[in-house]
Amino acid sequence: MSLKRKNLTISEKLNVIEFASTHSQRDVADRFGISVGAVNNILKKKQEIQMACEENCNPQMKRVRLSSHCEVNDLIWQWFVTARSKNIPISGPILQAKGIDFAEQLGIPFKASNGWLEKFRSRYNIAFKTLCGESASVDPGTVDTWKQQLHTIIGGYSPEDISIVREQVSTIRFCQLSLL
């Protein structure tokens, strides 16, 4: 009897690895409905599968694929983790811009397309959610630092110029909302 090809998810492959530690490969194959060769291949890639889960990959992925821009992705992931640990909200366009910055610094041709962003999000299991409440507030030290920097940035402008900019920003936001 031949088995139909079955692609297991990363979480199912972890279950195969765990079950194989106490059972024979034949028992594992029968339990999960896969061939003995598939069990053998999973056990050969044991470290790669376990490492993928440790790196917060999506457990519903079927294969662990490497990106063609590994260096850029690693830098963006490290930056993202650092920024999120400081409760800084990160959106897709911010990730794309940061990716372009890192690629330019490395001298690598890189296009931060929407397709790349979706694959990056699924690879690292990122969900963009709204942050709210005190637990999501920004560190007070960061706020104080920016207040000091703001005074140096706007130091050369008169108060009338600053209020004009505020009015223009409010007008632009109003126009954007009325277009929706």
N, C-alpha and C. Protein backbone atom coordinates (compact mmCIF):
# COMPACT_ATOMS: atom_id res chain seq x y z
N MET A 1 0.84 -1.18 0.00
CA MET A 1 0.00 0.00 0.00
C MET A 1 0.89 1.24 0.00
N SER A 2 0.62 2.16 -0.91
CA SER A 2 1.42 3.38 -0.96
C SER A 2 0.68 4.50 -0.24
N LEU A 3 1.44 5.31 0.45
CA LEU A 3 0.86 6.44 1.16
C LEU A 3 0.84 7.67 0.26
N LYS A 4 -0.22 8.45 0.40
CA LYS A 4 -0.28 9.71 -0.32
C LYS A 4 0.71 10.67 0.33
N ARG A 5 1.36 11.47 -0.48
CA ARG A 5 2.34 12.42 0.04
C ARG A 5 1.68 13.35 1.03
N LYS A 6 2.30 13.51 2.19
CA LYS A 6 1.75 14.33 3.25
C LYS A 6 2.81 15.31 3.72
N ASN A 7 2.51 16.59 3.62
CA ASN A 7 3.44 17.62 4.10
C ASN A 7 3.07 17.99 5.52
N LEU A 8 3.98 17.80 6.43
CA LEU A 8 3.74 18.12 7.83
C LEU A 8 4.18 19.56 8.12
N THR A 9 3.50 20.19 9.06
CA THR A 9 3.90 21.52 9.50
C THR A 9 5.10 21.39 10.44
N ILE A 10 5.72 22.52 10.74
CA ILE A 10 6.87 22.52 11.64
C ILE A 10 6.48 21.95 13.01
N SER A 11 5.31 22.32 13.52
CA SER A 11 4.88 21.82 14.83
C SER A 11 4.65 20.31 14.78
N GLU A 12 4.10 19.81 13.67
CA GLU A 12 3.92 18.36 13.53
C GLU A 12 5.27 17.65 13.43
N LYS A 13 6.22 18.27 12.75
CA LYS A 13 7.56 17.67 12.67
C LYS A 13 8.22 17.61 14.04
N LEU A 14 7.98 18.64 14.87
CA LEU A 14 8.50 18.59 16.24
C LEU A 14 7.86 17.44 17.02
N ASN A 15 6.58 17.20 16.79
CA ASN A 15 5.92 16.06 17.43
C ASN A 15 6.52 14.74 16.96
N VAL A 16 6.86 14.65 15.68
CA VAL A 16 7.51 13.45 15.14
C VAL A 16 8.85 13.23 15.83
N ILE A 17 9.63 14.30 15.97
CA ILE A 17 10.95 14.20 16.61
C ILE A 17 10.81 13.74 18.05
N GLU A 18 9.85 14.31 18.75
CA GLU A 18 9.63 13.94 20.16
C GLU A 18 9.18 12.49 20.28
N PHE A 19 8.25 12.07 19.42
CA PHE A 19 7.72 10.70 19.47
C PHE A 19 8.80 9.69 19.07
N ALA A 20 9.69 10.09 18.13
CA ALA A 20 10.74 9.20 17.64
C ALA A 20 11.81 8.94 18.70
N SER A 21 11.88 9.78 19.72
CA SER A 21 12.88 9.56 20.76
C SER A 21 12.58 8.33 21.60
N THR A 22 11.32 7.88 21.62
CA THR A 22 10.95 6.71 22.44
C THR A 22 10.36 5.57 21.63
N HIS A 23 10.19 5.75 20.31
CA HIS A 23 9.58 4.73 19.48
C HIS A 23 10.42 4.48 18.23
N SER A 24 10.14 3.36 17.57
CA SER A 24 10.87 3.03 16.34
C SER A 24 10.35 3.90 15.19
N GLN A 25 11.15 3.99 14.14
CA GLN A 25 10.75 4.80 13.00
C GLN A 25 9.49 4.25 12.34
N ARG A 26 9.30 2.94 12.34
CA ARG A 26 8.10 2.33 11.78
C ARG A 26 6.86 2.76 12.58
N ASP A 27 6.98 2.76 13.92
CA ASP A 27 5.85 3.18 14.76
C ASP A 27 5.52 4.66 14.53
N VAL A 28 6.55 5.45 14.38
CA VAL A 28 6.36 6.88 14.13
C VAL A 28 5.66 7.08 12.79
N ALA A 29 6.12 6.36 11.76
CA ALA A 29 5.53 6.47 10.43
C ALA A 29 4.05 6.08 10.46
N ASP A 30 3.71 5.01 11.14
CA ASP A 30 2.32 4.56 11.23
C ASP A 30 1.46 5.57 11.99
N ARG A 31 2.00 6.11 13.06
CA ARG A 31 1.23 7.05 13.89
C ARG A 31 0.90 8.35 13.14
N PHE A 32 1.87 8.87 12.37
CA PHE A 32 1.68 10.15 11.70
C PHE A 32 1.25 10.01 10.24
N GLY A 33 1.13 8.77 9.75
CA GLY A 33 0.66 8.56 8.38
C GLY A 33 1.65 8.98 7.32
N ILE A 34 2.94 8.81 7.59
CA ILE A 34 3.99 9.16 6.64
C ILE A 34 4.88 7.95 6.43
N SER A 35 5.75 8.00 5.45
CA SER A 35 6.65 6.89 5.17
C SER A 35 7.84 6.89 6.13
N VAL A 36 8.50 5.75 6.20
CA VAL A 36 9.69 5.64 7.05
C VAL A 36 10.79 6.57 6.53
N GLY A 37 10.87 6.72 5.19
CA GLY A 37 11.84 7.64 4.60
C GLY A 37 11.59 9.08 5.03
N ALA A 38 10.32 9.46 5.12
CA ALA A 38 9.98 10.81 5.57
C ALA A 38 10.39 11.01 7.03
N VAL A 39 10.17 10.01 7.85
CA VAL A 39 10.59 10.08 9.26
C VAL A 39 12.10 10.25 9.33
N ASN A 40 12.81 9.47 8.52
CA ASN A 40 14.27 9.54 8.49
C ASN A 40 14.74 10.94 8.07
N ASN A 41 14.08 11.52 7.06
CA ASN A 41 14.46 12.87 6.61
C ASN A 41 14.20 13.91 7.70
N ILE A 42 13.09 13.76 8.40
CA ILE A 42 12.78 14.69 9.49
C ILE A 42 13.83 14.59 10.59
N LEU A 43 14.23 13.37 10.91
CA LEU A 43 15.23 13.19 11.97
C LEU A 43 16.60 13.70 11.54
N LYS A 44 16.90 13.64 10.24
CA LYS A 44 18.15 14.20 9.74
C LYS A 44 18.18 15.72 9.90
N LYS A 45 17.00 16.34 9.72
CA LYS A 45 16.90 17.79 9.81
C LYS A 45 16.44 18.24 11.19
N LYS A 46 16.64 17.42 12.17
CA LYS A 46 16.18 17.69 13.54
C LYS A 46 16.66 19.04 14.06
N GLN A 47 17.96 19.30 13.95
CA GLN A 47 18.51 20.55 14.48
C GLN A 47 17.95 21.77 13.74
N GLU A 48 17.81 21.67 12.44
CA GLU A 48 17.28 22.77 11.64
C GLU A 48 15.84 23.09 12.04
N ILE A 49 15.04 22.06 12.26
CA ILE A 49 13.64 22.25 12.64
C ILE A 49 13.54 22.85 14.04
N GLN A 50 14.32 22.34 14.96
CA GLN A 50 14.29 22.87 16.33
C GLN A 50 14.79 24.31 16.37
N MET A 51 15.79 24.62 15.58
CA MET A 51 16.33 25.97 15.54
C MET A 51 15.30 26.95 14.96
N ALA A 52 14.55 26.49 13.96
CA ALA A 52 13.53 27.34 13.35
C ALA A 52 12.46 27.71 14.38
N CYS A 53 12.11 26.78 15.24
CA CYS A 53 11.10 27.07 16.26
C CYS A 53 11.66 27.99 17.35
N GLU A 54 12.91 27.85 17.65
CA GLU A 54 13.54 28.73 18.65
C GLU A 54 13.62 30.16 18.14
N GLU A 55 13.71 30.33 16.84
CA GLU A 55 13.82 31.67 16.25
C GLU A 55 12.45 32.28 15.98
N ASN A 56 11.42 31.73 16.61
CA ASN A 56 10.07 32.29 16.53
C ASN A 56 9.49 32.19 15.13
N CYS A 57 9.76 31.09 14.44
CA CYS A 57 9.16 30.93 13.12
C CYS A 57 7.70 30.52 13.27
N ASN A 58 6.96 30.64 12.22
CA ASN A 58 5.55 30.29 12.21
C ASN A 58 5.43 28.76 12.30
N PRO A 59 4.79 28.22 13.34
CA PRO A 59 4.70 26.76 13.48
C PRO A 59 3.81 26.10 12.44
N GLN A 60 3.06 26.89 11.69
CA GLN A 60 2.19 26.32 10.66
C GLN A 60 2.87 26.23 9.29
N MET A 61 4.13 26.72 9.22
CA MET A 61 4.88 26.60 7.97
C MET A 61 5.18 25.13 7.71
N LYS A 62 5.26 24.78 6.45
CA LYS A 62 5.55 23.39 6.11
C LYS A 62 7.03 23.18 5.84
N ARG A 63 7.72 24.22 5.36
CA ARG A 63 9.15 24.11 5.08
C ARG A 63 9.89 25.31 5.65
N VAL A 64 11.12 25.07 6.02
CA VAL A 64 11.98 26.17 6.47
C VAL A 64 12.81 26.59 5.27
N ARG A 65 12.48 27.74 4.74
CA ARG A 65 13.21 28.24 3.56
C ARG A 65 14.07 29.42 3.98
N LEU A 66 15.24 29.47 3.40
CA LEU A 66 16.12 30.61 3.65
C LEU A 66 15.83 31.69 2.62
N SER A 67 15.86 32.91 3.07
CA SER A 67 15.63 34.04 2.19
C SER A 67 16.91 34.33 1.41
N SER A 68 16.75 35.02 0.28
CA SER A 68 17.93 35.39 -0.50
C SER A 68 18.66 36.58 0.13
N HIS A 69 18.02 37.23 1.11
CA HIS A 69 18.62 38.38 1.78
C HIS A 69 18.73 38.09 3.28
N CYS A 70 19.45 37.03 3.62
CA CYS A 70 19.53 36.60 5.02
C CYS A 70 20.12 37.67 5.93
N GLU A 71 21.17 38.36 5.47
CA GLU A 71 21.82 39.36 6.32
C GLU A 71 20.86 40.50 6.64
N VAL A 72 20.14 40.97 5.63
CA VAL A 72 19.20 42.07 5.84
C VAL A 72 18.07 41.62 6.77
N ASN A 73 17.53 40.43 6.52
CA ASN A 73 16.45 39.92 7.35
C ASN A 73 16.88 39.75 8.81
N ASP A 74 18.09 39.25 9.02
CA ASP A 74 18.57 39.09 10.39
C ASP A 74 18.70 40.43 11.09
N LEU A 75 19.23 41.43 10.39
CA LEU A 75 19.37 42.76 10.98
C LEU A 75 18.01 43.38 11.30
N ILE A 76 17.07 43.22 10.38
CA ILE A 76 15.73 43.77 10.61
C ILE A 76 15.07 43.06 11.79
N TRP A 77 15.22 41.74 11.87
CA TRP A 77 14.63 40.99 12.98
C TRP A 77 15.23 41.44 14.31
N GLN A 78 16.55 41.61 14.38
CA GLN A 78 17.18 42.07 15.62
C GLN A 78 16.70 43.47 15.99
N TRP A 79 16.59 44.35 14.99
CA TRP A 79 16.11 45.71 15.24
C TRP A 79 14.66 45.68 15.72
N PHE A 80 13.84 44.83 15.08
CA PHE A 80 12.43 44.72 15.44
C PHE A 80 12.27 44.25 16.89
N VAL A 81 13.01 43.23 17.27
CA VAL A 81 12.93 42.71 18.64
C VAL A 81 13.34 43.78 19.65
N THR A 82 14.39 44.52 19.34
CA THR A 82 14.86 45.58 20.23
C THR A 82 13.81 46.69 20.35
N ALA A 83 13.24 47.10 19.22
CA ALA A 83 12.25 48.17 19.24
C ALA A 83 10.99 47.73 19.98
N ARG A 84 10.55 46.52 19.76
CA ARG A 84 9.34 46.04 20.44
C ARG A 84 9.57 45.84 21.93
N SER A 85 10.81 45.52 22.32
CA SER A 85 11.09 45.39 23.76
C SER A 85 11.01 46.73 24.46
N LYS A 86 11.14 47.82 23.69
CA LYS A 86 11.00 49.17 24.24
C LYS A 86 9.58 49.71 24.05
N ASN A 87 8.66 48.83 23.64
CA ASN A 87 7.25 49.18 23.41
C ASN A 87 7.05 50.24 22.32
N ILE A 88 7.91 50.23 21.34
CA ILE A 88 7.78 51.14 20.21
C ILE A 88 6.92 50.45 19.15
N PRO A 89 5.82 51.06 18.74
CA PRO A 89 4.97 50.43 17.72
C PRO A 89 5.67 50.42 16.36
N ILE A 90 5.62 49.29 15.68
CA ILE A 90 6.27 49.11 14.39
C ILE A 90 5.21 48.72 13.37
N SER A 91 5.21 49.38 12.23
CA SER A 91 4.27 49.05 11.16
C SER A 91 5.04 48.48 9.96
N GLY A 92 4.30 48.03 8.96
CA GLY A 92 4.91 47.47 7.76
C GLY A 92 5.81 48.44 7.03
N PRO A 93 5.34 49.68 6.76
CA PRO A 93 6.19 50.63 6.06
C PRO A 93 7.47 50.97 6.83
N ILE A 94 7.39 50.95 8.15
CA ILE A 94 8.60 51.21 8.95
C ILE A 94 9.59 50.07 8.74
N LEU A 95 9.10 48.82 8.75
CA LEU A 95 9.99 47.67 8.50
C LEU A 95 10.61 47.75 7.11
N GLN A 96 9.80 48.13 6.13
CA GLN A 96 10.32 48.23 4.77
C GLN A 96 11.41 49.30 4.67
N ALA A 97 11.17 50.44 5.29
CA ALA A 97 12.17 51.52 5.25
C ALA A 97 13.45 51.10 5.95
N LYS A 98 13.31 50.42 7.08
CA LYS A 98 14.49 49.95 7.81
C LYS A 98 15.25 48.92 6.99
N GLY A 99 14.53 48.07 6.27
CA GLY A 99 15.17 47.09 5.40
C GLY A 99 15.99 47.74 4.32
N ILE A 100 15.44 48.79 3.72
CA ILE A 100 16.17 49.52 2.68
C ILE A 100 17.41 50.18 3.27
N ASP A 101 17.29 50.74 4.48
CA ASP A 101 18.45 51.37 5.14
C ASP A 101 19.55 50.35 5.39
N PHE A 102 19.19 49.20 5.93
CA PHE A 102 20.19 48.17 6.22
C PHE A 102 20.84 47.67 4.92
N ALA A 103 20.05 47.48 3.88
CA ALA A 103 20.60 47.00 2.61
C ALA A 103 21.58 48.01 2.02
N GLU A 104 21.26 49.31 2.13
CA GLU A 104 22.17 50.34 1.63
C GLU A 104 23.47 50.33 2.42
N GLN A 105 23.38 50.14 3.75
CA GLN A 105 24.58 50.10 4.58
C GLN A 105 25.45 48.90 4.21
N LEU A 106 24.81 47.78 3.86
CA LEU A 106 25.56 46.58 3.50
C LEU A 106 25.98 46.58 2.03
N GLY A 107 25.42 47.49 1.24
CA GLY A 107 25.73 47.54 -0.18
C GLY A 107 25.10 46.40 -0.96
N ILE A 108 23.92 45.96 -0.53
CA ILE A 108 23.22 44.84 -1.15
C ILE A 108 22.01 45.39 -1.92
N PRO A 109 21.80 44.95 -3.15
CA PRO A 109 20.58 45.37 -3.85
C PRO A 109 19.37 44.69 -3.19
N PHE A 110 18.41 45.47 -2.77
CA PHE A 110 17.29 44.94 -2.00
C PHE A 110 16.05 45.76 -2.29
N LYS A 111 14.95 45.09 -2.51
CA LYS A 111 13.68 45.76 -2.77
C LYS A 111 12.71 45.32 -1.68
N ALA A 112 12.30 46.23 -0.84
CA ALA A 112 11.39 45.92 0.26
C ALA A 112 9.95 46.01 -0.23
N SER A 113 9.55 45.05 -1.03
CA SER A 113 8.20 45.05 -1.61
C SER A 113 7.18 44.56 -0.58
N ASN A 114 5.92 44.69 -0.93
CA ASN A 114 4.87 44.19 -0.05
C ASN A 114 4.93 42.67 0.07
N GLY A 115 5.33 42.00 -1.00
CA GLY A 115 5.49 40.55 -0.96
C GLY A 115 6.59 40.15 0.01
N TRP A 116 7.72 40.87 -0.04
CA TRP A 116 8.80 40.60 0.92
C TRP A 116 8.29 40.80 2.34
N LEU A 117 7.55 41.87 2.57
CA LEU A 117 7.04 42.16 3.91
C LEU A 117 6.13 41.03 4.42
N GLU A 118 5.24 40.55 3.57
CA GLU A 118 4.34 39.46 3.98
C GLU A 118 5.11 38.19 4.30
N LYS A 119 6.11 37.87 3.50
CA LYS A 119 6.92 36.67 3.78
C LYS A 119 7.75 36.85 5.05
N PHE A 120 8.27 38.05 5.26
CA PHE A 120 9.03 38.34 6.48
C PHE A 120 8.14 38.18 7.70
N ARG A 121 6.91 38.72 7.61
CA ARG A 121 5.97 38.62 8.72
C ARG A 121 5.61 37.17 9.00
N SER A 122 5.36 36.38 7.97
CA SER A 122 4.99 34.98 8.21
C SER A 122 6.18 34.17 8.68
N ARG A 123 7.39 34.49 8.20
CA ARG A 123 8.58 33.75 8.61
C ARG A 123 8.86 33.93 10.09
N TYR A 124 8.69 35.15 10.59
CA TYR A 124 8.99 35.44 11.99
C TYR A 124 7.73 35.53 12.87
N ASN A 125 6.58 35.17 12.29
CA ASN A 125 5.34 35.11 13.05
C ASN A 125 5.01 36.46 13.69
N ILE A 126 5.06 37.51 12.88
CA ILE A 126 4.80 38.88 13.36
C ILE A 126 3.37 39.26 13.02
N ALA A 127 2.66 39.79 14.00
CA ALA A 127 1.32 40.32 13.78
C ALA A 127 1.32 41.77 14.22
N PHE A 128 0.90 42.65 13.33
CA PHE A 128 0.85 44.07 13.67
C PHE A 128 -0.45 44.33 14.42
N LYS A 129 -0.33 44.63 15.68
CA LYS A 129 -1.50 44.90 16.51
C LYS A 129 -1.35 46.26 17.16
N THR A 130 -2.47 46.85 17.52
CA THR A 130 -2.46 48.15 18.17
C THR A 130 -2.03 47.99 19.61
N LEU A 131 -1.12 48.83 20.05
CA LEU A 131 -0.65 48.81 21.42
C LEU A 131 -1.45 49.83 22.21
N CYS A 132 -1.91 49.44 23.38
CA CYS A 132 -2.64 50.39 24.20
C CYS A 132 -2.41 50.07 25.67
N GLY A 133 -2.75 51.02 26.51
CA GLY A 133 -2.60 50.84 27.94
C GLY A 133 -1.23 51.26 28.43
N GLU A 134 -1.08 51.22 29.74
CA GLU A 134 0.19 51.65 30.34
C GLU A 134 1.32 50.70 29.99
N SER A 135 1.01 49.42 29.83
CA SER A 135 2.07 48.46 29.53
C SER A 135 2.69 48.73 28.17
N ALA A 136 1.96 49.42 27.29
CA ALA A 136 2.48 49.71 25.95
C ALA A 136 3.02 51.12 25.84
N SER A 137 3.11 51.83 26.95
CA SER A 137 3.60 53.20 26.87
C SER A 137 5.11 53.21 26.67
N VAL A 138 5.59 54.29 26.13
CA VAL A 138 7.01 54.44 25.86
C VAL A 138 7.74 54.79 27.16
N ASP A 139 8.96 54.36 27.25
CA ASP A 139 9.78 54.61 28.42
C ASP A 139 9.88 56.12 28.69
N PRO A 140 9.65 56.57 29.93
CA PRO A 140 9.71 58.01 30.24
C PRO A 140 11.07 58.64 29.91
N GLY A 141 12.15 57.87 30.03
CA GLY A 141 13.47 58.40 29.69
C GLY A 141 13.56 58.77 28.22
N THR A 142 12.93 57.96 27.36
CA THR A 142 12.92 58.25 25.92
C THR A 142 12.14 59.52 25.65
N VAL A 143 11.03 59.70 26.35
CA VAL A 143 10.21 60.90 26.17
C VAL A 143 11.00 62.14 26.59
N ASP A 144 11.69 62.08 27.73
CA ASP A 144 12.48 63.23 28.20
C ASP A 144 13.58 63.58 27.21
N THR A 145 14.24 62.55 26.66
CA THR A 145 15.29 62.78 25.68
C THR A 145 14.75 63.51 24.46
N TRP A 146 13.58 63.06 23.96
CA TRP A 146 13.00 63.70 22.78
C TRP A 146 12.51 65.11 23.08
N LYS A 147 12.06 65.35 24.30
CA LYS A 147 11.64 66.72 24.64
C LYS A 147 12.84 67.66 24.57
N GLN A 148 14.01 67.18 25.05
CA GLN A 148 15.21 68.01 24.98
C GLN A 148 15.65 68.21 23.53
N GLN A 149 15.57 67.14 22.73
CA GLN A 149 15.97 67.25 21.32
C GLN A 149 15.01 68.14 20.54
N LEU A 150 13.74 68.12 20.92
CA LEU A 150 12.76 68.94 20.22
C LEU A 150 13.08 70.42 20.36
N HIS A 151 13.52 70.82 21.55
CA HIS A 151 13.86 72.23 21.75
C HIS A 151 15.04 72.64 20.86
N THR A 152 16.01 71.76 20.66
CA THR A 152 17.13 72.10 19.79
C THR A 152 16.70 72.10 18.32
N ILE A 153 15.76 71.22 17.97
CA ILE A 153 15.30 71.15 16.58
C ILE A 153 14.51 72.39 16.20
N ILE A 154 13.60 72.81 17.08
CA ILE A 154 12.74 73.95 16.75
C ILE A 154 13.28 75.27 17.27
N GLY A 155 14.49 75.26 17.80
CA GLY A 155 15.08 76.46 18.39
C GLY A 155 15.19 77.63 17.43
N GLY A 156 15.41 77.39 16.15
CA GLY A 156 15.59 78.46 15.18
C GLY A 156 14.30 79.00 14.60
N TYR A 157 13.17 78.50 15.02
CA TYR A 157 11.88 78.93 14.48
C TYR A 157 11.11 79.77 15.48
N SER A 158 10.33 80.69 14.97
CA SER A 158 9.49 81.51 15.85
C SER A 158 8.22 80.72 16.19
N PRO A 159 7.58 81.03 17.31
CA PRO A 159 6.35 80.31 17.70
C PRO A 159 5.23 80.40 16.65
N GLU A 160 5.18 81.49 15.89
CA GLU A 160 4.15 81.63 14.87
C GLU A 160 4.34 80.58 13.76
N ASP A 161 5.63 80.34 13.39
CA ASP A 161 5.90 79.34 12.36
C ASP A 161 5.49 77.96 12.81
N ILE A 162 5.72 77.65 14.07
CA ILE A 162 5.39 76.33 14.61
C ILE A 162 3.88 76.13 14.62
N SER A 163 3.13 77.13 15.02
CA SER A 163 1.67 76.98 15.05
C SER A 163 1.11 76.87 13.64
N ILE A 164 1.73 77.51 12.65
CA ILE A 164 1.28 77.40 11.27
C ILE A 164 1.45 75.96 10.79
N VAL A 165 2.56 75.33 11.14
CA VAL A 165 2.79 73.93 10.77
C VAL A 165 1.74 73.05 11.40
N ARG A 166 1.40 73.28 12.67
CA ARG A 166 0.36 72.49 13.34
C ARG A 166 -0.96 72.62 12.59
N GLU A 167 -1.32 73.84 12.18
CA GLU A 167 -2.57 74.06 11.47
C GLU A 167 -2.56 73.33 10.13
N GLN A 168 -1.42 73.36 9.44
CA GLN A 168 -1.34 72.70 8.15
C GLN A 168 -1.46 71.18 8.31
N VAL A 169 -0.83 70.62 9.34
CA VAL A 169 -0.93 69.18 9.59
C VAL A 169 -2.37 68.81 9.90
N SER A 170 -3.05 69.61 10.72
CA SER A 170 -4.45 69.35 11.04
C SER A 170 -5.32 69.41 9.78
N THR A 171 -5.06 70.37 8.90
CA THR A 171 -5.81 70.49 7.65
C THR A 171 -5.58 69.29 6.76
N ILE A 172 -4.33 68.84 6.67
CA ILE A 172 -4.00 67.68 5.84
C ILE A 172 -4.71 66.44 6.38
N ARG A 173 -4.69 66.24 7.70
CA ARG A 173 -5.37 65.08 8.29
C ARG A 173 -6.87 65.13 8.02
N PHE A 174 -7.46 66.32 8.13
CA PHE A 174 -8.89 66.48 7.88
C PHE A 174 -9.21 66.13 6.43
N CYS A 175 -8.38 66.59 5.49
CA CYS A 175 -8.60 66.30 4.08
C CYS A 175 -8.48 64.81 3.80
N GLN A 176 -7.51 64.16 4.43
CA GLN A 176 -7.33 62.71 4.23
C GLN A 176 -8.54 61.96 4.74
N LEU A 177 -9.07 62.35 5.89
CA LEU A 177 -10.23 61.67 6.46
C LEU A 177 -11.48 61.89 5.61
N SER A 178 -11.63 63.09 5.05
CA SER A 178 -12.83 63.35 4.26
C SER A 178 -12.77 62.63 2.91
N LEU A 179 -11.57 62.28 2.44
CA LEU A 179 -11.45 61.52 1.20
C LEU A 179 -11.85 60.07 1.39
N LEU A 180 -11.72 59.58 2.61
CA LEU A 180 -12.07 58.19 2.88
C LEU A 180 -13.55 58.07 2.89
